[in-house]
Amino acid sequence: MRKCLLPLVVAVAMTSCVKEPILIESVVNEKARMDQAENPAMKFLINEDLGKREVHLSGLTVKDVTVSTNIDYDFCVIADVMTKKGLVECHIYSKDVKTVAGLVKGKSKINAVGDFGRFFSLLDDYYTRLEIVKATITPR
């Protein structure tokens, strides 16, 4: 019985560590749900659910590489994505400084996978801004 139990415990532990993937259109749809929710507890739950997801972005053109405003990272890769709701600016944070150093503003194309961080907005033409942390950036 113990021989069967150990692999089961390991399998359950491993699946609980894997984050469910989400694409940018779905992230934007969740943002719209948050904006429509009047109940702050519902907004909190939607945000919590997004925090358990892994955002997948592909075919982005690097708009800029800047010094990070997130204290856990040194640099930030910025890229725009057009969605049905409007333009979304993605702030992508990665610890892989070597890959980030090789990116060229306006020329490099990347794919990125990382954890949902948060939404933030400024008074401009963007629908929203999205923070992606613990990202893996792959040049194309």
N, C-alpha and C. Protein backbone atom coordinates (compact mmCIF):
# COMPACT_ATOMS: atom_id res chain seq x y z
N MET A 1 0.81 -1.19 0.00
CA MET A 1 0.00 0.00 0.00
C MET A 1 0.86 1.26 0.00
N ARG A 2 1.95 1.27 0.75
CA ARG A 2 2.82 2.43 0.81
C ARG A 2 3.47 2.71 -0.55
N LYS A 3 3.74 1.66 -1.31
CA LYS A 3 4.37 1.84 -2.62
C LYS A 3 3.43 2.58 -3.57
N CYS A 4 2.15 2.40 -3.43
CA CYS A 4 1.16 3.09 -4.27
C CYS A 4 0.90 4.51 -3.79
N LEU A 5 1.00 4.72 -2.51
CA LEU A 5 0.68 6.01 -1.93
C LEU A 5 1.73 7.08 -2.25
N LEU A 6 2.99 6.74 -2.22
CA LEU A 6 4.06 7.70 -2.47
C LEU A 6 3.97 8.32 -3.87
N PRO A 7 3.82 7.53 -4.94
CA PRO A 7 3.69 8.16 -6.25
C PRO A 7 2.45 9.04 -6.37
N LEU A 8 1.38 8.67 -5.70
CA LEU A 8 0.17 9.47 -5.73
C LEU A 8 0.39 10.82 -5.05
N VAL A 9 1.05 10.83 -3.91
CA VAL A 9 1.35 12.08 -3.19
C VAL A 9 2.26 12.97 -4.03
N VAL A 10 3.27 12.39 -4.67
CA VAL A 10 4.18 13.16 -5.52
C VAL A 10 3.44 13.75 -6.70
N ALA A 11 2.57 12.98 -7.33
CA ALA A 11 1.80 13.46 -8.48
C ALA A 11 0.88 14.61 -8.10
N VAL A 12 0.22 14.51 -6.97
CA VAL A 12 -0.67 15.58 -6.51
C VAL A 12 0.13 16.84 -6.19
N ALA A 13 1.27 16.67 -5.57
CA ALA A 13 2.12 17.82 -5.23
C ALA A 13 2.62 18.52 -6.49
N MET A 14 2.99 17.76 -7.50
CA MET A 14 3.51 18.35 -8.73
C MET A 14 2.41 19.08 -9.50
N THR A 15 1.21 18.53 -9.57
CA THR A 15 0.14 19.19 -10.31
C THR A 15 -0.34 20.45 -9.60
N SER A 16 -0.19 20.52 -8.30
CA SER A 16 -0.61 21.73 -7.59
C SER A 16 0.38 22.87 -7.82
N CYS A 17 1.60 22.58 -8.26
CA CYS A 17 2.61 23.61 -8.53
C CYS A 17 2.51 24.17 -9.94
N VAL A 18 1.85 23.46 -10.85
CA VAL A 18 1.75 23.88 -12.23
C VAL A 18 0.64 24.91 -12.37
N LYS A 19 0.98 26.05 -12.96
CA LYS A 19 -0.01 27.10 -13.15
C LYS A 19 -0.72 26.91 -14.48
N GLU A 20 -2.00 27.21 -14.48
CA GLU A 20 -2.81 27.07 -15.69
C GLU A 20 -2.48 28.22 -16.64
N PRO A 21 -2.26 27.93 -17.93
CA PRO A 21 -1.94 29.00 -18.88
C PRO A 21 -3.16 29.85 -19.23
N ILE A 22 -2.89 31.09 -19.60
CA ILE A 22 -3.94 32.01 -20.04
C ILE A 22 -3.35 32.92 -21.12
N LEU A 23 -4.13 33.18 -22.15
CA LEU A 23 -3.69 34.06 -23.24
C LEU A 23 -4.15 35.48 -22.96
N ILE A 24 -3.56 36.44 -23.66
CA ILE A 24 -3.80 37.85 -23.40
C ILE A 24 -5.28 38.24 -23.58
N GLU A 25 -5.97 37.68 -24.55
CA GLU A 25 -7.39 38.01 -24.74
C GLU A 25 -8.21 37.63 -23.50
N SER A 26 -7.89 36.48 -22.91
CA SER A 26 -8.60 36.04 -21.70
C SER A 26 -8.24 36.93 -20.51
N VAL A 27 -7.01 37.37 -20.44
CA VAL A 27 -6.59 38.27 -19.37
C VAL A 27 -7.39 39.58 -19.48
N VAL A 28 -7.52 40.08 -20.69
CA VAL A 28 -8.26 41.33 -20.91
C VAL A 28 -9.74 41.13 -20.58
N ASN A 29 -10.29 39.97 -20.90
CA ASN A 29 -11.69 39.68 -20.55
C ASN A 29 -11.88 39.68 -19.03
N GLU A 30 -10.91 39.13 -18.30
CA GLU A 30 -10.98 39.14 -16.84
C GLU A 30 -10.89 40.56 -16.30
N LYS A 31 -10.10 41.40 -16.95
CA LYS A 31 -9.99 42.82 -16.56
C LYS A 31 -11.35 43.49 -16.73
N ALA A 32 -12.04 43.18 -17.83
CA ALA A 32 -13.36 43.75 -18.06
C ALA A 32 -14.34 43.29 -16.99
N ARG A 33 -14.27 42.01 -16.59
CA ARG A 33 -15.12 41.50 -15.51
C ARG A 33 -14.85 42.25 -14.20
N MET A 34 -13.55 42.52 -13.94
CA MET A 34 -13.20 43.26 -12.73
C MET A 34 -13.78 44.67 -12.77
N ASP A 35 -13.68 45.32 -13.93
CA ASP A 35 -14.18 46.68 -14.06
C ASP A 35 -15.70 46.75 -13.90
N GLN A 36 -16.41 45.70 -14.31
CA GLN A 36 -17.87 45.67 -14.22
C GLN A 36 -18.37 45.27 -12.84
N ALA A 37 -17.52 44.59 -12.08
CA ALA A 37 -17.94 44.12 -10.76
C ALA A 37 -18.07 45.31 -9.80
N GLU A 38 -19.19 45.37 -9.12
CA GLU A 38 -19.39 46.43 -8.13
C GLU A 38 -18.90 45.99 -6.76
N ASN A 39 -18.88 44.70 -6.55
CA ASN A 39 -18.50 44.14 -5.26
C ASN A 39 -16.97 44.02 -5.18
N PRO A 40 -16.32 44.69 -4.25
CA PRO A 40 -14.85 44.61 -4.15
C PRO A 40 -14.34 43.20 -3.85
N ALA A 41 -15.15 42.38 -3.20
CA ALA A 41 -14.74 41.00 -2.94
C ALA A 41 -14.65 40.21 -4.24
N MET A 42 -15.57 40.48 -5.17
CA MET A 42 -15.51 39.81 -6.48
C MET A 42 -14.27 40.25 -7.24
N LYS A 43 -13.95 41.53 -7.21
CA LYS A 43 -12.73 42.03 -7.86
C LYS A 43 -11.51 41.33 -7.27
N PHE A 44 -11.49 41.17 -5.96
CA PHE A 44 -10.39 40.50 -5.28
C PHE A 44 -10.27 39.05 -5.76
N LEU A 45 -11.40 38.34 -5.85
CA LEU A 45 -11.37 36.94 -6.28
C LEU A 45 -10.89 36.79 -7.72
N ILE A 46 -11.32 37.68 -8.60
CA ILE A 46 -10.87 37.63 -9.99
C ILE A 46 -9.37 37.86 -10.04
N ASN A 47 -8.89 38.84 -9.29
CA ASN A 47 -7.45 39.12 -9.26
C ASN A 47 -6.66 37.95 -8.68
N GLU A 48 -7.18 37.34 -7.64
CA GLU A 48 -6.54 36.17 -7.03
C GLU A 48 -6.44 35.02 -8.03
N ASP A 49 -7.52 34.80 -8.79
CA ASP A 49 -7.52 33.73 -9.79
C ASP A 49 -6.47 34.01 -10.87
N LEU A 50 -6.38 35.26 -11.31
CA LEU A 50 -5.37 35.61 -12.30
C LEU A 50 -3.96 35.39 -11.75
N GLY A 51 -3.77 35.62 -10.47
CA GLY A 51 -2.48 35.41 -9.84
C GLY A 51 -2.03 33.96 -9.85
N LYS A 52 -2.96 33.07 -10.08
CA LYS A 52 -2.65 31.64 -10.15
C LYS A 52 -2.44 31.18 -11.59
N ARG A 53 -2.40 32.12 -12.52
CA ARG A 53 -2.31 31.78 -13.93
C ARG A 53 -0.95 32.19 -14.49
N GLU A 54 -0.58 31.56 -15.58
CA GLU A 54 0.66 31.85 -16.29
C GLU A 54 0.29 32.46 -17.64
N VAL A 55 0.68 33.71 -17.87
CA VAL A 55 0.33 34.43 -19.08
C VAL A 55 1.30 34.04 -20.20
N HIS A 56 0.74 33.69 -21.36
CA HIS A 56 1.53 33.32 -22.53
C HIS A 56 1.36 34.41 -23.59
N LEU A 57 2.48 35.00 -24.01
CA LEU A 57 2.49 36.03 -25.04
C LEU A 57 3.40 35.57 -26.17
N SER A 58 2.99 35.83 -27.40
CA SER A 58 3.86 35.42 -28.52
C SER A 58 3.88 36.48 -29.61
N GLY A 59 5.01 36.55 -30.29
CA GLY A 59 5.17 37.45 -31.42
C GLY A 59 5.18 38.92 -31.08
N LEU A 60 5.68 39.26 -29.90
CA LEU A 60 5.73 40.66 -29.48
C LEU A 60 6.97 41.34 -30.04
N THR A 61 6.83 42.60 -30.40
CA THR A 61 7.98 43.42 -30.76
C THR A 61 8.36 44.24 -29.54
N VAL A 62 9.62 44.20 -29.18
CA VAL A 62 10.10 44.94 -28.00
C VAL A 62 9.97 46.44 -28.27
N LYS A 63 9.18 47.10 -27.45
CA LYS A 63 9.01 48.55 -27.56
C LYS A 63 10.13 49.29 -26.84
N ASP A 64 10.54 48.72 -25.70
CA ASP A 64 11.58 49.38 -24.92
C ASP A 64 12.12 48.41 -23.87
N VAL A 65 13.32 48.66 -23.44
CA VAL A 65 13.92 47.97 -22.28
C VAL A 65 14.32 49.08 -21.33
N THR A 66 13.77 49.03 -20.12
CA THR A 66 14.00 50.11 -19.16
C THR A 66 14.52 49.55 -17.84
N VAL A 67 14.97 50.47 -17.01
CA VAL A 67 15.31 50.11 -15.64
C VAL A 67 14.00 49.81 -14.93
N SER A 68 13.98 48.78 -14.13
CA SER A 68 12.76 48.31 -13.51
C SER A 68 12.27 49.22 -12.39
N THR A 69 10.96 49.34 -12.29
CA THR A 69 10.34 50.01 -11.15
C THR A 69 9.90 48.99 -10.11
N ASN A 70 10.01 47.70 -10.46
CA ASN A 70 9.69 46.60 -9.55
C ASN A 70 10.98 46.27 -8.79
N ILE A 71 10.96 46.34 -7.47
CA ILE A 71 12.18 46.19 -6.69
C ILE A 71 12.80 44.79 -6.77
N ASP A 72 12.05 43.81 -7.26
CA ASP A 72 12.59 42.45 -7.37
C ASP A 72 13.35 42.20 -8.66
N TYR A 73 13.34 43.16 -9.57
CA TYR A 73 13.97 42.99 -10.88
C TYR A 73 14.82 44.20 -11.22
N ASP A 74 15.82 43.99 -12.08
CA ASP A 74 16.70 45.08 -12.49
C ASP A 74 16.20 45.80 -13.73
N PHE A 75 15.56 45.04 -14.66
CA PHE A 75 15.15 45.61 -15.94
C PHE A 75 13.74 45.16 -16.30
N CYS A 76 13.12 45.92 -17.18
CA CYS A 76 11.76 45.65 -17.64
C CYS A 76 11.73 45.71 -19.16
N VAL A 77 11.11 44.71 -19.77
CA VAL A 77 10.90 44.70 -21.21
C VAL A 77 9.46 45.14 -21.44
N ILE A 78 9.28 46.12 -22.30
CA ILE A 78 7.95 46.66 -22.56
C ILE A 78 7.56 46.34 -24.00
N ALA A 79 6.33 45.84 -24.17
CA ALA A 79 5.82 45.52 -25.50
C ALA A 79 4.32 45.80 -25.52
N ASP A 80 3.82 46.17 -26.70
CA ASP A 80 2.39 46.43 -26.88
C ASP A 80 1.72 45.24 -27.54
N VAL A 81 0.46 45.00 -27.15
CA VAL A 81 -0.36 43.95 -27.74
C VAL A 81 -1.72 44.57 -28.06
N MET A 82 -2.18 44.38 -29.30
CA MET A 82 -3.52 44.86 -29.66
C MET A 82 -4.52 43.76 -29.34
N THR A 83 -5.56 44.10 -28.58
CA THR A 83 -6.61 43.16 -28.22
C THR A 83 -7.95 43.73 -28.70
N LYS A 84 -9.00 42.95 -28.54
CA LYS A 84 -10.34 43.41 -28.94
C LYS A 84 -10.78 44.63 -28.13
N LYS A 85 -10.30 44.74 -26.91
CA LYS A 85 -10.66 45.86 -26.04
C LYS A 85 -9.81 47.10 -26.29
N GLY A 86 -8.66 46.92 -26.93
CA GLY A 86 -7.76 48.03 -27.18
C GLY A 86 -6.32 47.63 -26.94
N LEU A 87 -5.46 48.61 -26.98
CA LEU A 87 -4.03 48.39 -26.84
C LEU A 87 -3.67 48.12 -25.37
N VAL A 88 -2.87 47.07 -25.17
CA VAL A 88 -2.41 46.70 -23.83
C VAL A 88 -0.89 46.79 -23.83
N GLU A 89 -0.35 47.50 -22.86
CA GLU A 89 1.10 47.59 -22.71
C GLU A 89 1.53 46.56 -21.68
N CYS A 90 2.42 45.66 -22.09
CA CYS A 90 2.90 44.60 -21.21
C CYS A 90 4.26 44.97 -20.65
N HIS A 91 4.38 44.94 -19.33
CA HIS A 91 5.65 45.16 -18.64
C HIS A 91 6.11 43.79 -18.17
N ILE A 92 7.16 43.31 -18.80
CA ILE A 92 7.62 41.94 -18.60
C ILE A 92 8.91 41.96 -17.79
N TYR A 93 8.88 41.27 -16.65
CA TYR A 93 10.03 41.25 -15.74
C TYR A 93 10.65 39.86 -15.72
N SER A 94 11.96 39.82 -15.94
CA SER A 94 12.69 38.55 -15.96
C SER A 94 14.02 38.73 -15.25
N LYS A 95 14.48 37.68 -14.63
CA LYS A 95 15.80 37.71 -13.98
C LYS A 95 16.92 37.38 -14.97
N ASP A 96 16.54 36.97 -16.20
CA ASP A 96 17.52 36.57 -17.23
C ASP A 96 18.10 37.82 -17.91
N VAL A 97 19.04 38.46 -17.24
CA VAL A 97 19.62 39.71 -17.72
C VAL A 97 20.33 39.51 -19.05
N LYS A 98 20.93 38.36 -19.26
CA LYS A 98 21.66 38.09 -20.50
C LYS A 98 20.72 38.15 -21.71
N THR A 99 19.54 37.54 -21.58
CA THR A 99 18.57 37.59 -22.68
C THR A 99 18.05 39.01 -22.87
N VAL A 100 17.72 39.69 -21.78
CA VAL A 100 17.21 41.05 -21.86
C VAL A 100 18.25 41.98 -22.49
N ALA A 101 19.52 41.78 -22.18
CA ALA A 101 20.59 42.62 -22.73
C ALA A 101 20.71 42.48 -24.24
N GLY A 102 20.30 41.35 -24.79
CA GLY A 102 20.39 41.12 -26.23
C GLY A 102 19.21 41.67 -27.02
N LEU A 103 18.23 42.21 -26.37
CA LEU A 103 17.04 42.71 -27.06
C LEU A 103 17.27 44.11 -27.61
N VAL A 104 16.75 44.34 -28.82
CA VAL A 104 16.91 45.63 -29.48
C VAL A 104 15.55 46.31 -29.58
N LYS A 105 15.48 47.50 -29.05
CA LYS A 105 14.26 48.30 -29.04
C LYS A 105 13.73 48.48 -30.47
N GLY A 106 12.46 48.12 -30.68
CA GLY A 106 11.82 48.29 -31.98
C GLY A 106 12.13 47.22 -33.01
N LYS A 107 13.05 46.31 -32.72
CA LYS A 107 13.45 45.29 -33.70
C LYS A 107 13.25 43.86 -33.20
N SER A 108 13.60 43.61 -31.96
CA SER A 108 13.55 42.24 -31.44
C SER A 108 12.12 41.75 -31.31
N LYS A 109 11.90 40.53 -31.73
CA LYS A 109 10.61 39.85 -31.55
C LYS A 109 10.82 38.80 -30.46
N ILE A 110 9.84 38.70 -29.56
CA ILE A 110 9.97 37.76 -28.44
C ILE A 110 8.68 37.00 -28.19
N ASN A 111 8.83 35.89 -27.51
CA ASN A 111 7.73 35.20 -26.85
C ASN A 111 8.02 35.32 -25.37
N ALA A 112 6.99 35.39 -24.56
CA ALA A 112 7.19 35.49 -23.12
C ALA A 112 6.13 34.67 -22.39
N VAL A 113 6.56 34.02 -21.33
CA VAL A 113 5.67 33.27 -20.45
C VAL A 113 6.02 33.68 -19.04
N GLY A 114 5.03 34.10 -18.28
CA GLY A 114 5.30 34.51 -16.91
C GLY A 114 4.02 34.59 -16.08
N ASP A 115 4.19 34.83 -14.83
CA ASP A 115 3.06 34.91 -13.90
C ASP A 115 2.38 36.27 -14.00
N PHE A 116 1.05 36.25 -13.90
CA PHE A 116 0.30 37.49 -13.85
C PHE A 116 0.72 38.25 -12.60
N GLY A 117 1.03 39.53 -12.76
CA GLY A 117 1.40 40.37 -11.63
C GLY A 117 0.25 41.24 -11.19
N ARG A 118 -0.11 42.19 -12.05
CA ARG A 118 -1.20 43.12 -11.73
C ARG A 118 -1.56 43.92 -12.97
N PHE A 119 -2.70 44.60 -12.90
CA PHE A 119 -3.08 45.59 -13.89
C PHE A 119 -2.75 46.96 -13.33
N PHE A 120 -2.38 47.88 -14.19
CA PHE A 120 -2.29 49.28 -13.77
C PHE A 120 -2.58 50.16 -14.97
N SER A 121 -3.10 51.32 -14.72
CA SER A 121 -3.51 52.23 -15.79
C SER A 121 -3.01 53.63 -15.52
N LEU A 122 -2.79 54.33 -16.60
CA LEU A 122 -2.45 55.75 -16.56
C LEU A 122 -3.43 56.47 -17.48
N LEU A 123 -3.43 57.76 -17.46
CA LEU A 123 -4.33 58.51 -18.33
C LEU A 123 -3.69 58.66 -19.71
N ASP A 124 -3.95 57.69 -20.57
CA ASP A 124 -3.44 57.73 -21.93
C ASP A 124 -4.29 56.83 -22.81
N ASP A 125 -3.78 56.45 -23.97
CA ASP A 125 -4.57 55.72 -24.96
C ASP A 125 -4.59 54.21 -24.76
N TYR A 126 -3.96 53.69 -23.72
CA TYR A 126 -3.94 52.25 -23.49
C TYR A 126 -5.20 51.81 -22.74
N TYR A 127 -5.71 50.64 -23.13
CA TYR A 127 -6.83 50.06 -22.39
C TYR A 127 -6.39 49.76 -20.96
N THR A 128 -5.23 49.13 -20.85
CA THR A 128 -4.64 48.85 -19.54
C THR A 128 -3.17 48.53 -19.71
N ARG A 129 -2.50 48.42 -18.62
CA ARG A 129 -1.13 47.93 -18.60
C ARG A 129 -1.14 46.67 -17.75
N LEU A 130 -0.27 45.74 -18.13
CA LEU A 130 -0.24 44.44 -17.50
C LEU A 130 1.18 44.15 -17.05
N GLU A 131 1.33 43.74 -15.81
CA GLU A 131 2.64 43.38 -15.27
C GLU A 131 2.75 41.85 -15.29
N ILE A 132 3.84 41.37 -15.89
CA ILE A 132 4.11 39.94 -15.93
C ILE A 132 5.46 39.73 -15.23
N VAL A 133 5.45 38.90 -14.20
CA VAL A 133 6.65 38.66 -13.40
C VAL A 133 7.13 37.22 -13.56
N LYS A 134 8.34 36.96 -13.12
CA LYS A 134 8.95 35.62 -13.21
C LYS A 134 8.89 35.10 -14.64
N ALA A 135 9.15 36.01 -15.60
CA ALA A 135 8.99 35.69 -17.01
C ALA A 135 10.19 34.98 -17.59
N THR A 136 9.88 34.12 -18.55
CA THR A 136 10.88 33.51 -19.41
C THR A 136 10.69 34.17 -20.76
N ILE A 137 11.73 34.84 -21.24
CA ILE A 137 11.67 35.55 -22.52
C ILE A 137 12.49 34.77 -23.54
N THR A 138 11.86 34.49 -24.68
CA THR A 138 12.54 33.75 -25.75
C THR A 138 12.56 34.60 -27.00
N PRO A 139 13.75 35.00 -27.46
CA PRO A 139 13.82 35.73 -28.73
C PRO A 139 13.38 34.82 -29.88
N ARG A 140 12.73 35.44 -30.87
CA ARG A 140 12.26 34.67 -32.04
C ARG A 140 13.17 34.83 -33.20
